[in-house]
Amino acid sequence: MTYSESRNRLLLNLTYGSIALFIISNVLNFTYPGAERTMGEVQRVFYIHLGSFFGAFCVFFAAVIAGIAYLRTRNIKWDHLGLASVEIGLGLSAINIVTGAIWARPSWGTFWTWDPRLTSIAIMWLTYAAYLFLRSALEDPEQRRRFAAVYGILAFGSVLLTIIIIRVRPDVIHPTVAGPSVSSGDVMGDFNLTPRIGQTVLFSIFTYIVLSAVLVWHRVRLEEQTEQIRSRKMEALSRL
């Protein structure tokens, strides 16, 4: 498959831009804001933690859009977008879980506890991991794409659960970064958000959203090229 020069240039520029944003974001994380009053230096990992979660949220939502579009059009490009979004989302979710565990050890004295928020994020990750198993278990291409589209739409409920649960369960110990919660009752949650901390949080979120979009685009292209090779191979075999 060939791509226009303008699209190739746009993707290349976005790739360089996302790399620059990623470097700047990490420099800011460790230099620009001071230590948070309650958590100290360990809270710096939360910039990565929050950024990766929002990046995952965006690409999982993209999988919903791709699933709906595929069911309506049966255009294979939407299936490629759905698959790419889930794979990148899983990677970002894994970063979210690992950075959360790094923060939890000095804060809670353990890497993991079955807090409702942590449980919901584990359920979310496993739900999307099952998406990949579903695809690999179905041999018929059309059936695989159709089932994956429906599953990708329904799986987004697990993402919404991770957002809602912290605001409705009174026994959640995971800090609320923004918005009211039953456990904290504080509009700004458990963080003492100074202007610099707030700006760094927003920049990190923006960085991971851009990075996730670029990674999905690259993954879609790889899947398109793989599909092209697969089609040529089947065409060659049919001539034997």
Protein backbone atom coordinates (compact mmCIF):
# COMPACT_ATOMS: atom_id res chain seq x y z
CA MET A 1 0.00 0.00 0.00
CA THR A 2 1.32 3.41 -0.98
CA TYR A 3 0.69 6.61 0.95
CA SER A 4 0.74 10.18 -0.30
CA GLU A 5 3.84 12.23 0.36
CA SER A 6 1.84 14.75 2.38
CA ARG A 7 0.51 12.04 4.73
CA ASN A 8 3.97 10.56 5.17
CA ARG A 9 5.37 14.00 5.98
CA LEU A 10 2.56 14.72 8.43
CA LEU A 11 3.09 11.44 10.27
CA LEU A 12 6.86 12.01 10.36
CA ASN A 13 6.42 15.51 11.79
CA LEU A 14 3.92 14.27 14.37
CA THR A 15 6.36 11.52 15.34
CA TYR A 16 9.19 13.99 15.90
CA GLY A 17 6.79 16.30 17.72
CA SER A 18 5.54 13.55 20.04
CA ILE A 19 9.13 12.53 20.86
CA ALA A 20 9.96 16.15 21.68
CA LEU A 21 6.85 16.45 23.86
CA PHE A 22 7.74 13.23 25.67
CA ILE A 23 11.26 14.45 26.46
CA ILE A 24 10.06 17.88 27.57
CA SER A 25 7.31 16.33 29.69
CA ASN A 26 9.73 14.10 31.57
CA VAL A 27 12.15 16.97 32.14
CA LEU A 28 9.28 19.08 33.51
CA ASN A 29 8.07 16.25 35.73
CA PHE A 30 11.34 16.20 37.66
CA THR A 31 12.33 19.86 37.56
CA TYR A 32 9.43 22.29 37.19
CA PRO A 33 6.99 21.58 40.08
CA GLY A 34 8.09 21.31 43.66
CA ALA A 35 7.35 18.27 45.79
CA GLU A 36 3.68 17.93 46.75
CA ARG A 37 3.04 18.66 50.46
CA THR A 38 1.38 15.35 51.33
CA MET A 39 3.19 12.82 49.13
CA GLY A 40 6.59 14.43 48.68
CA GLU A 41 8.85 13.47 45.77
CA VAL A 42 7.08 10.18 45.04
CA GLN A 43 4.11 12.07 43.61
CA ARG A 44 6.21 12.88 40.52
CA VAL A 45 5.44 9.42 39.17
CA PHE A 46 1.80 10.46 39.06
CA TYR A 47 2.47 12.71 36.05
CA ILE A 48 3.28 9.58 34.05
CA HIS A 49 0.53 7.65 35.82
CA LEU A 50 -2.16 10.17 34.89
CA GLY A 51 -0.84 10.82 31.40
CA SER A 52 -0.81 7.14 30.50
CA PHE A 53 -4.35 6.69 31.83
CA PHE A 54 -5.74 9.54 29.75
CA GLY A 55 -3.86 8.28 26.71
CA ALA A 56 -5.37 4.83 27.23
CA PHE A 57 -8.82 6.36 27.71
CA CYS A 58 -8.58 8.16 24.36
CA VAL A 59 -7.47 5.15 22.35
CA PHE A 60 -10.03 2.86 24.00
CA PHE A 61 -12.69 5.41 23.05
CA ALA A 62 -11.26 5.37 19.52
CA ALA A 63 -11.84 1.60 19.53
CA VAL A 64 -15.52 2.28 20.27
CA ILE A 65 -15.75 4.68 17.33
CA ALA A 66 -13.92 2.17 15.12
CA GLY A 67 -16.26 -0.63 16.18
CA ILE A 68 -19.39 1.38 15.42
CA ALA A 69 -17.97 2.53 12.08
CA TYR A 70 -17.00 -1.03 11.09
CA LEU A 71 -20.46 -2.42 11.92
CA ARG A 72 -22.02 0.31 9.79
CA THR A 73 -19.65 0.23 6.80
CA ARG A 74 -17.83 -3.14 6.97
CA ASN A 75 -14.73 -1.22 5.87
CA ILE A 76 -11.63 -3.08 6.99
CA LYS A 77 -9.78 0.14 7.82
CA TRP A 78 -11.98 0.57 10.90
CA ASP A 79 -11.04 -2.90 12.08
CA HIS A 80 -7.39 -1.93 11.77
CA LEU A 81 -8.05 1.17 13.87
CA GLY A 82 -9.88 -0.87 16.50
CA LEU A 83 -7.07 -3.41 16.80
CA ALA A 84 -4.37 -0.73 16.90
CA SER A 85 -6.26 1.25 19.55
CA VAL A 86 -6.68 -1.73 21.85
CA GLU A 87 -3.03 -2.79 21.54
CA ILE A 88 -1.72 0.71 22.27
CA GLY A 89 -4.28 1.12 25.04
CA LEU A 90 -3.11 -2.07 26.69
CA GLY A 91 0.47 -0.83 26.67
CA LEU A 92 -0.50 2.51 28.19
CA SER A 93 -2.68 0.77 30.78
CA ALA A 94 0.27 -1.41 31.76
CA ILE A 95 2.35 1.74 32.29
CA ASN A 96 -0.50 3.15 34.39
CA ILE A 97 -0.61 0.05 36.58
CA VAL A 98 3.18 -0.18 37.02
CA THR A 99 3.60 3.50 37.89
CA GLY A 100 0.69 3.22 40.30
CA ALA A 101 2.43 0.32 42.03
CA ILE A 102 5.67 2.34 42.25
CA TRP A 103 3.76 5.16 43.95
CA ALA A 104 1.79 2.80 46.22
CA ARG A 105 4.82 1.11 47.80
CA PRO A 106 6.09 4.12 49.79
CA SER A 107 2.59 5.60 50.19
CA TRP A 108 0.61 2.53 51.29
CA GLY A 109 3.42 0.16 52.24
CA THR A 110 2.53 -2.30 49.47
CA PHE A 111 2.73 -2.46 45.70
CA TRP A 112 -0.85 -3.66 45.37
CA THR A 113 -4.05 -3.78 47.38
CA TRP A 114 -7.51 -4.78 46.26
CA ASP A 115 -8.86 -1.27 46.56
CA PRO A 116 -11.98 -0.82 44.36
CA ARG A 117 -10.12 1.53 41.99
CA LEU A 118 -7.17 -0.81 41.59
CA THR A 119 -9.48 -3.77 41.15
CA SER A 120 -11.41 -1.93 38.44
CA ILE A 121 -8.23 -1.01 36.54
CA ALA A 122 -7.10 -4.65 36.66
CA ILE A 123 -10.52 -5.71 35.32
CA MET A 124 -10.20 -3.13 32.55
CA TRP A 125 -6.77 -4.43 31.50
CA LEU A 126 -7.91 -8.05 31.51
CA THR A 127 -11.04 -7.13 29.57
CA TYR A 128 -9.01 -5.65 26.75
CA ALA A 129 -6.44 -8.44 26.88
CA ALA A 130 -9.37 -10.81 26.25
CA TYR A 131 -10.11 -8.80 23.09
CA LEU A 132 -6.83 -10.02 21.60
CA PHE A 133 -7.56 -13.61 22.63
CA LEU A 134 -10.98 -13.34 20.97
CA ARG A 135 -9.43 -12.20 17.72
CA SER A 136 -6.88 -15.00 17.72
CA ALA A 137 -9.56 -17.61 18.45
CA LEU A 138 -11.70 -16.78 15.39
CA GLU A 139 -10.42 -17.98 12.03
CA ASP A 140 -13.05 -16.46 9.75
CA PRO A 141 -11.87 -12.88 8.99
CA GLU A 142 -15.34 -11.34 8.71
CA GLN A 143 -16.58 -13.02 11.86
CA ARG A 144 -13.41 -11.96 13.70
CA ARG A 145 -13.84 -8.34 12.69
CA ARG A 146 -17.53 -8.28 13.54
CA PHE A 147 -17.08 -9.89 16.96
CA ALA A 148 -14.08 -7.66 17.72
CA ALA A 149 -16.08 -4.55 16.82
CA VAL A 150 -18.91 -5.48 19.19
CA TYR A 151 -16.50 -6.48 21.95
CA GLY A 152 -14.51 -3.25 21.57
CA ILE A 153 -17.70 -1.24 22.09
CA LEU A 154 -18.86 -3.20 25.13
CA ALA A 155 -15.40 -3.31 26.71
CA PHE A 156 -15.43 0.46 27.12
CA GLY A 157 -17.79 -0.08 30.04
CA SER A 158 -14.78 -1.28 32.04
CA VAL A 159 -13.05 2.05 31.35
CA LEU A 160 -16.05 4.00 32.59
CA LEU A 161 -16.12 1.80 35.69
CA THR A 162 -12.60 2.90 36.67
CA ILE A 163 -13.68 6.54 36.43
CA ILE A 164 -17.01 6.20 38.21
CA ILE A 165 -16.06 3.84 41.04
CA ILE A 166 -13.78 6.31 42.81
CA ARG A 167 -16.68 8.75 43.02
CA VAL A 168 -19.33 6.37 44.35
CA ARG A 169 -17.47 4.01 46.69
CA PRO A 170 -16.74 5.40 50.18
CA ASP A 171 -14.00 2.81 50.87
CA VAL A 172 -11.69 3.86 48.04
CA ILE A 173 -8.20 4.80 49.24
CA HIS A 174 -6.90 5.78 45.81
CA PRO A 175 -6.54 9.59 45.72
CA THR A 176 -8.97 11.64 43.66
CA VAL A 177 -7.07 14.01 41.40
CA ALA A 178 -10.02 16.06 40.12
CA GLY A 179 -13.70 16.20 40.85
CA PRO A 180 -15.61 15.29 44.00
CA SER A 181 -15.54 11.82 45.51
CA VAL A 182 -17.41 10.08 48.30
CA SER A 183 -14.17 9.27 50.07
CA SER A 184 -12.55 12.70 50.01
CA GLY A 185 -15.37 15.17 49.59
CA ASP A 186 -12.81 17.60 48.25
CA VAL A 187 -13.36 19.27 44.89
CA MET A 188 -9.67 19.03 44.04
CA GLY A 189 -9.32 15.60 45.59
CA ASP A 190 -6.35 14.53 47.70
CA PHE A 191 -3.69 16.51 45.84
CA ASN A 192 -2.50 19.96 46.90
CA LEU A 193 -2.52 21.28 43.35
CA THR A 194 -0.20 24.25 43.11
CA PRO A 195 -0.19 26.08 39.76
CA ARG A 196 3.05 24.39 38.71
CA ILE A 197 1.79 20.92 39.63
CA GLY A 198 -1.46 21.57 37.77
CA GLN A 199 0.37 22.82 34.67
CA THR A 200 2.69 19.80 34.69
CA VAL A 201 -0.25 17.42 35.04
CA LEU A 202 -2.02 19.01 32.07
CA PHE A 203 1.14 19.02 29.94
CA SER A 204 1.76 15.34 30.73
CA ILE A 205 -1.83 14.44 29.83
CA PHE A 206 -1.55 16.36 26.55
CA THR A 207 1.77 14.66 25.78
CA TYR A 208 0.40 11.16 26.27
CA ILE A 209 -2.71 11.88 24.22
CA VAL A 210 -0.58 13.06 21.29
CA LEU A 211 1.84 10.15 21.74
CA SER A 212 -0.98 7.61 21.84
CA ALA A 213 -2.52 9.02 18.64
CA VAL A 214 0.82 8.82 16.81
CA LEU A 215 1.47 5.28 18.02
CA VAL A 216 -2.00 4.20 16.87
CA TRP A 217 -1.37 5.72 13.44
CA HIS A 218 1.91 3.82 13.10
CA ARG A 219 0.22 0.60 14.25
CA VAL A 220 -2.61 1.05 11.74
CA ARG A 221 -0.09 1.41 8.96
CA LEU A 222 1.71 -1.72 10.08
CA GLU A 223 -1.59 -3.65 10.12
CA GLU A 224 -2.48 -2.35 6.64
CA GLN A 225 0.87 -3.51 5.29
CA THR A 226 0.45 -6.88 7.01
CA GLU A 227 -3.01 -7.26 5.47
CA GLN A 228 -1.61 -6.41 2.06
CA ILE A 229 1.11 -9.06 2.40
CA ARG A 230 -1.48 -11.58 3.58
CA SER A 231 -3.71 -10.84 0.59
CA ARG A 232 -0.85 -11.24 -1.87
CA LYS A 233 0.17 -14.50 -0.26
CA MET A 234 -3.36 -15.87 -0.55
CA GLU A 235 -3.56 -14.70 -4.14
CA ALA A 236 -0.27 -16.44 -4.96
CA LEU A 237 -1.38 -19.67 -3.27
CA SER A 238 -4.66 -19.66 -5.19
CA ARG A 239 -2.73 -19.75 -8.44
CA LEU A 240 -0.82 -22.91 -7.54
